[in-house]
Amino acid sequence: MRSHTGEKPYKCEVCDYACTQECALKEHRMIHTGEKPHKCEVCDFACIRSGDLKVHMRIHTGEKPYKCEVCDYACTEAGTLKKHLRIHTGEKPYKCEECDYACTFAGSLKKHLRIHTGEKPYKCEVCDYACTFAGSLKAHMRIHTGEMFKCEVCDYACAQAGNLKQHMRIHTGEKPYKCEVCDYACTQAVSLKIHMRIHTGEKPYKCEVCDYACTQASALKQHMRIHTGEKPYKCEVCDYACTQAGALKQHMRIHTGEKPYKCEVCDYACTQAGSVKKHMRIHTGEKP
């Protein structure tokens, strides 16, 4: 009847825990005493509940009684199978209150929230580097240990296996990420995501000063220099400074005399592609 009345006569003397059965209280007290009566005969594992020991023993026996009906996945606990099934159902019960992010696991949400809080719990013991994920710190430590993933074709080396895999596509020419709208293909998922904005018209990066919006964070960074007046690219020969690396490259041709754009009809050559295009109108008779 206590389940209906809500009465919980068995109360813990140490904390606020209360329950309906004496055996449940006895089990709870072990949290405070540290007592773990159920011990594994194979390893040092010990626990409070017999059910937990039963689940633990599956590590040693290899038993995986909970099986997915959609794929070959199998596991030792019902709760783990329940989480796995979200991959097939698409259920994402854990939602971020700051943005639209949603995920299948509580741990994934916890990691995601660090983007908003700025928390970086994983810290390098050698330098000031700190990050949000354990895997990122592991990759960073290779800078200090010298352990790197090396390309067998060229001198490229990196700290993450995934980066090497992407790099190898330069040599193989593989472009696994393909646009469903046009013939565009690329080596990285993020490049395809950016490209798709051409078709969708999405411009998520917006200027806070004017109406400018663009598809890439780097383009917004360059645009902001119009408002700040920052000109980080400086000529080593004269006082010229500009907002973009490409503009400085073009400017340097004044000093070097390089004229890479050449007319196919006559000997005309110039420093900019636009200039040769204009020049061609002399030969074609085209009027702007």
Foldseek 3Di string as FASTA:
>chain_A
DCVVVVDFPAADPPDGDTHNDPVVNVLVCCVVVVDFPAADPPDGDTHSDPVVVVLVCCVVVVDFPAADPPDGDTHSDPVVVVLVCCVVVVDFPAADPVDGDTHSDPVVVVLVCCVVVVDFPAADPPDGDTHSDPVVVQLVCCVVVVDWDADPPDGDTGSDPVVVVLVCCVVVVDFPAADPPDGDTHSDPVVVVLVCCVVVVDFPAADPPDGDTHSDPVVVVLVCCVVVVDFPAADPPDGDTHSDPVVVVLVCCVVVVDFPAADPPDGDTHSDPVVNVVVCCVVVVDDD
